[in-house]
Amino acid sequence: MLFAFQFRSPGPIIFELGPLTIRWYGLLIAIAVLVGVSLSQYLAQKRKVDPELIGDFAIWMVIAAIPSARLYYVLFEWPQYSQNPQDIIAIWKGGIAIHGAILGGTIAALIFARLNRISFWQIADLVAPSLILGQAIGRWGNFFNSEAYGAPTDLPWKLYIPPVNRPPGLIESEYFHPTFLYESLWNIIVFALLMALFFWGLRHPGRLKVGTLFLTYAIAYSSGRIWIEGLRTDSLMLGPLQVAQLVSLAEIIFGVVGLFWLYKVQKPLPDVVPPTPEKADD
């Protein structure tokens, strides 16, 4: 059948050499960081921002975002980790939440921008395309770990999940929605949108307001996350509600309000440094 794909993970480990274990999850995170830093530095050059500043900020991002992503996940899965506290730091087994990474990264960006006297929104715009591209790459870590999949399906494209990774009550089901793939593809579309906006802004100076790229990222990514999350069987929950859907809805509202403020009210976004006319209209 045309477009028939059966995804089957080869396992989370690439190879083992004595006590050294190289896992797909960690490798993909490392690739995402390296690609993201290089891309952000390239975009910084285009916007006449010192690329070295972005390199310095990348260190802050890694230090803040990855632990925050893990802490966020652990807090919402505390009943499980309270029984196995040794697994709290076992990030190589999977279990990080992008919304936790965004929260930690945002706090780091605010502090970094204040210390370096640069617009937070300028930094946010420069890292937004890298962030969504990194998410597209990182989602494949879920594939290798056989996690973050959707409900059972018989669609031509489907993901085989080993019995040990299947949720209770669905042990007999073999194939599930490859939600990692859905989100990865959606993120690539969002990446293309952000890059198109970025270069459109370069060709039309003054028409793309500072903060637009990050706000567009918040709206576009979150719109896809809401419907993809609805397919998943392993979502982080807050009572009967899916946390990711609630946070995504809040991010969409935040993004829409921000764009309204920029383009309808015609005022710059609140920032950690007073905006100049050039920064406000860049």
Protein backbone atom coordinates (compact mmCIF):
# COMPACT_ATOMS: atom_id res chain seq x y z
CA MET A 1 0.00 0.00 0.00
CA LEU A 2 1.23 3.50 -0.87
CA PHE A 3 2.52 5.42 2.16
CA ALA A 4 2.55 2.27 4.28
CA PHE A 5 5.25 2.47 6.93
CA GLN A 6 5.84 0.35 9.97
CA PHE A 7 8.23 2.02 12.39
CA ARG A 8 10.15 -0.27 14.71
CA SER A 9 12.83 1.02 17.06
CA PRO A 10 16.19 -0.77 16.97
CA GLY A 11 16.50 0.02 20.68
CA PRO A 12 17.77 2.96 22.73
CA ILE A 13 21.46 1.99 22.73
CA ILE A 14 23.82 2.68 19.82
CA PHE A 15 26.72 0.70 21.25
CA GLU A 16 28.37 -0.29 24.51
CA LEU A 17 32.09 -0.34 25.18
CA GLY A 18 32.81 -1.64 28.66
CA PRO A 19 31.16 0.76 31.13
CA LEU A 20 30.55 3.31 28.34
CA THR A 21 27.05 3.29 26.87
CA ILE A 22 26.13 5.58 23.96
CA ARG A 23 22.39 6.11 23.62
CA TRP A 24 20.38 7.57 20.77
CA TYR A 25 18.53 9.93 23.13
CA GLY A 26 21.68 11.64 24.35
CA LEU A 27 23.24 11.74 20.88
CA LEU A 28 20.18 13.43 19.39
CA ILE A 29 20.08 16.02 22.17
CA ALA A 30 23.77 16.77 21.54
CA ILE A 31 23.15 17.10 17.79
CA ALA A 32 20.16 19.37 18.41
CA VAL A 33 22.25 21.66 20.63
CA LEU A 34 25.17 21.88 18.17
CA VAL A 35 22.94 22.51 15.17
CA GLY A 36 20.86 25.01 17.13
CA VAL A 37 23.85 27.04 18.33
CA SER A 38 25.33 27.18 14.82
CA LEU A 39 22.02 28.29 13.33
CA SER A 40 21.41 30.95 15.99
CA GLN A 41 24.90 32.36 15.50
CA TYR A 42 24.25 32.54 11.75
CA LEU A 43 20.97 34.38 12.32
CA ALA A 44 22.68 36.70 14.80
CA GLN A 45 25.19 37.73 12.13
CA LYS A 46 22.31 38.54 9.79
CA ARG A 47 20.75 40.77 12.47
CA LYS A 48 24.06 42.43 13.32
CA VAL A 49 24.24 40.79 16.75
CA ASP A 50 27.56 39.45 18.05
CA PRO A 51 27.52 35.66 17.38
CA GLU A 52 29.81 35.12 20.38
CA LEU A 53 27.03 36.45 22.58
CA ILE A 54 24.78 33.66 21.32
CA GLY A 55 27.54 31.13 21.98
CA ASP A 56 27.76 32.33 25.57
CA PHE A 57 24.00 32.21 25.93
CA ALA A 58 23.93 28.63 24.63
CA ILE A 59 25.86 27.54 27.72
CA TRP A 60 23.23 29.19 29.92
CA MET A 61 20.48 27.49 27.93
CA VAL A 62 21.93 24.00 28.29
CA ILE A 63 22.58 24.45 32.00
CA ALA A 64 19.04 25.75 32.60
CA ALA A 65 16.86 23.98 30.03
CA ILE A 66 17.82 20.31 30.37
CA PRO A 67 17.58 20.11 34.20
CA SER A 68 14.35 22.14 34.07
CA ALA A 69 12.89 19.79 31.48
CA ARG A 70 13.73 16.81 33.68
CA LEU A 71 12.47 18.43 36.89
CA TYR A 72 9.19 19.37 35.20
CA TYR A 73 8.67 15.77 34.08
CA VAL A 74 9.63 14.27 37.43
CA LEU A 75 7.27 16.55 39.37
CA PHE A 76 4.27 15.45 37.32
CA GLU A 77 5.34 11.79 37.55
CA TRP A 78 6.34 11.97 41.22
CA PRO A 79 4.39 8.88 42.36
CA GLN A 80 6.55 6.80 40.02
CA TYR A 81 9.86 8.46 40.95
CA SER A 82 9.14 8.49 44.66
CA GLN A 83 9.29 4.69 44.48
CA ASN A 84 12.51 4.74 42.43
CA PRO A 85 14.41 7.91 43.42
CA GLN A 86 17.60 6.61 41.79
CA ASP A 87 15.88 7.11 38.41
CA ILE A 88 15.39 10.84 38.92
CA ILE A 89 18.75 11.64 37.34
CA ALA A 90 18.53 8.86 34.73
CA ILE A 91 17.77 11.30 31.92
CA TRP A 92 19.28 8.89 29.38
CA LYS A 93 16.21 6.71 29.83
CA GLY A 94 14.01 9.51 28.51
CA GLY A 95 11.49 11.57 30.38
CA ILE A 96 12.05 15.26 29.71
CA ALA A 97 9.34 17.80 28.95
CA ILE A 98 9.83 20.53 26.37
CA HIS A 99 7.60 22.91 28.32
CA GLY A 100 9.94 22.55 31.29
CA ALA A 101 12.88 23.29 29.00
CA ILE A 102 11.15 26.39 27.63
CA LEU A 103 10.40 27.61 31.15
CA GLY A 104 13.98 27.09 32.32
CA GLY A 105 15.41 28.56 29.13
CA THR A 106 13.18 31.62 29.39
CA ILE A 107 14.32 32.35 32.94
CA ALA A 108 17.95 31.93 31.84
CA ALA A 109 17.37 34.24 28.86
CA LEU A 110 15.84 36.96 31.04
CA ILE A 111 18.82 36.90 33.42
CA PHE A 112 21.36 36.71 30.59
CA ALA A 113 19.72 39.58 28.69
CA ARG A 114 19.63 41.76 31.80
CA LEU A 115 23.29 41.11 32.62
CA ASN A 116 24.41 41.76 29.05
CA ARG A 117 22.10 44.72 28.44
CA ILE A 118 20.49 43.18 25.36
CA SER A 119 16.83 42.83 24.48
CA PHE A 120 15.30 39.58 25.73
CA TRP A 121 13.06 39.52 22.67
CA GLN A 122 16.03 39.89 20.35
CA ILE A 123 17.59 36.78 21.90
CA ALA A 124 14.25 34.96 21.84
CA ASP A 125 13.84 35.67 18.12
CA LEU A 126 17.32 34.40 17.34
CA VAL A 127 16.86 31.11 19.21
CA ALA A 128 13.23 30.40 18.19
CA PRO A 129 14.08 28.74 14.84
CA SER A 130 16.87 26.74 16.51
CA LEU A 131 14.53 25.70 19.30
CA ILE A 132 11.86 24.30 17.01
CA LEU A 133 14.47 22.58 14.82
CA GLY A 134 16.02 21.04 17.93
CA GLN A 135 12.59 19.79 18.97
CA ALA A 136 12.13 18.18 15.55
CA ILE A 137 15.44 16.36 15.97
CA GLY A 138 14.93 15.48 19.62
CA ARG A 139 11.54 13.86 19.05
CA TRP A 140 13.31 10.97 17.36
CA GLY A 141 14.79 10.13 20.73
CA ASN A 142 11.26 9.12 21.73
CA PHE A 143 11.22 6.74 18.77
CA PHE A 144 14.40 4.96 19.84
CA ASN A 145 13.14 4.77 23.45
CA SER A 146 9.69 3.49 22.34
CA GLU A 147 7.94 6.25 24.28
CA ALA A 148 5.65 9.26 23.74
CA TYR A 149 3.45 7.33 21.29
CA GLY A 150 -0.25 7.61 20.65
CA ALA A 151 -3.29 5.38 20.86
CA PRO A 152 -3.48 2.00 19.09
CA THR A 153 -3.95 2.27 15.33
CA ASP A 154 -4.18 0.17 12.16
CA LEU A 155 -3.26 3.05 9.87
CA PRO A 156 -0.73 2.27 7.09
CA TRP A 157 1.83 4.29 9.05
CA LYS A 158 2.15 2.86 12.53
CA LEU A 159 4.67 2.35 15.28
CA TYR A 160 5.44 -1.03 16.81
CA ILE A 161 5.84 -0.86 20.58
CA PRO A 162 7.49 -3.76 22.46
CA PRO A 163 5.27 -5.32 25.16
CA VAL A 164 7.47 -3.99 27.98
CA ASN A 165 6.79 -0.41 26.81
CA ARG A 166 3.04 -0.73 26.33
CA PRO A 167 0.65 0.94 28.78
CA PRO A 168 -1.50 -1.15 31.14
CA GLY A 169 -4.66 -2.27 29.44
CA LEU A 170 -3.12 -2.16 25.97
CA ILE A 171 -0.66 -5.04 26.26
CA GLU A 172 -2.35 -6.88 23.40
CA SER A 173 -2.04 -3.92 21.04
CA GLU A 174 1.10 -3.96 18.91
CA TYR A 175 0.82 -0.82 16.81
CA PHE A 176 0.30 2.77 17.91
CA HIS A 177 0.18 6.26 16.43
CA PRO A 178 3.76 7.50 15.84
CA THR A 179 3.12 10.82 17.55
CA PHE A 180 6.87 11.45 17.72
CA LEU A 181 6.77 11.57 13.89
CA TYR A 182 3.69 13.79 13.75
CA GLU A 183 5.30 16.32 16.05
CA SER A 184 8.68 16.15 14.33
CA LEU A 185 7.08 16.87 10.95
CA TRP A 186 4.94 19.64 12.41
CA ASN A 187 8.02 21.21 13.97
CA ILE A 188 9.82 21.18 10.61
CA ILE A 189 6.87 23.05 9.09
CA VAL A 190 7.02 25.61 11.91
CA PHE A 191 10.79 25.90 11.39
CA ALA A 192 10.26 26.66 7.70
CA LEU A 193 7.67 29.30 8.63
CA LEU A 194 10.01 31.01 11.11
CA MET A 195 12.92 31.03 8.66
CA ALA A 196 10.70 32.49 5.94
CA LEU A 197 9.58 35.23 8.34
CA PHE A 198 13.16 35.93 9.38
CA PHE A 199 14.42 36.48 5.84
CA TRP A 200 11.27 38.41 4.90
CA GLY A 201 12.11 40.73 7.77
CA LEU A 202 15.64 41.21 6.45
CA ARG A 203 14.26 42.19 3.04
CA HIS A 204 11.73 44.58 4.58
CA PRO A 205 13.54 46.48 7.35
CA GLY A 206 11.31 47.83 10.09
CA ARG A 207 8.26 45.70 9.25
CA LEU A 208 9.07 42.65 11.38
CA LYS A 209 8.90 43.74 15.00
CA VAL A 210 11.31 42.35 17.58
CA GLY A 211 9.58 39.48 19.36
CA THR A 212 7.50 38.40 16.35
CA LEU A 213 9.44 35.22 15.66
CA PHE A 214 9.24 33.95 19.23
CA LEU A 215 5.54 34.78 19.53
CA THR A 216 4.86 33.06 16.20
CA TYR A 217 6.80 30.04 17.47
CA ALA A 218 4.63 29.95 20.61
CA ILE A 219 1.40 30.02 18.59
CA ALA A 220 2.42 27.65 15.79
CA TYR A 221 4.15 25.01 17.88
CA SER A 222 1.44 25.00 20.54
CA SER A 223 -1.35 24.70 17.95
CA GLY A 224 0.16 21.46 16.68
CA ARG A 225 0.99 20.21 20.16
CA ILE A 226 -2.64 20.50 21.30
CA TRP A 227 -4.02 18.10 18.70
CA ILE A 228 -1.02 15.73 18.74
CA GLU A 229 -1.16 15.51 22.54
CA GLY A 230 -4.78 14.41 22.26
CA LEU A 231 -3.59 11.22 20.54
CA ARG A 232 -1.11 10.23 23.23
CA THR A 233 -1.61 7.64 25.94
CA ASP A 234 1.22 8.72 28.26
CA SER A 235 0.59 12.44 28.74
CA LEU A 236 1.54 14.21 31.94
CA MET A 237 -1.73 14.79 33.78
CA LEU A 238 -3.05 17.35 36.23
CA GLY A 239 -6.09 15.57 37.57
CA PRO A 240 -8.20 14.70 34.49
CA LEU A 241 -6.48 17.31 32.29
CA GLN A 242 -3.47 16.93 30.02
CA VAL A 243 -0.81 19.36 31.19
CA ALA A 244 0.71 19.88 27.74
CA GLN A 245 -2.63 20.92 26.27
CA LEU A 246 -3.25 23.42 29.07
CA VAL A 247 0.23 24.93 28.73
CA SER A 248 -0.06 25.00 24.94
CA LEU A 249 -3.36 26.85 25.15
CA ALA A 250 -1.78 29.40 27.49
CA GLU A 251 1.12 29.85 25.06
CA ILE A 252 -1.26 30.44 22.15
CA ILE A 253 -3.09 33.12 24.13
CA PHE A 254 0.23 34.66 25.14
CA GLY A 255 1.41 34.72 21.52
CA VAL A 256 -1.80 36.22 20.15
CA VAL A 257 -1.86 38.95 22.82
CA GLY A 258 1.81 39.71 22.14
CA LEU A 259 1.29 40.07 18.38
CA PHE A 260 -1.79 42.23 18.96
CA TRP A 261 0.30 44.47 21.20
CA LEU A 262 3.08 44.77 18.62
CA TYR A 263 1.04 45.30 15.47
CA LYS A 264 -2.30 46.74 16.63
CA VAL A 265 -1.32 48.74 19.69
CA GLN A 266 1.98 49.54 17.93
CA LYS A 267 4.11 49.37 21.07
CA PRO A 268 7.24 47.33 21.85
CA LEU A 269 6.94 44.40 24.20
CA PRO A 270 8.01 44.85 27.85
CA ASP A 271 11.69 44.07 28.09
CA VAL A 272 14.54 43.77 30.58
CA VAL A 273 16.28 46.74 28.93
CA PRO A 274 14.63 49.97 27.70
CA PRO A 275 14.01 49.58 23.96
CA THR A 276 15.47 52.05 21.51
CA PRO A 277 13.59 52.95 18.32
CA GLU A 278 16.00 50.83 16.30
CA LYS A 279 15.49 47.78 18.56
CA ALA A 280 11.75 48.23 18.71
CA ASP A 281 11.40 48.26 14.90
CA ASP A 282 14.18 45.88 13.87
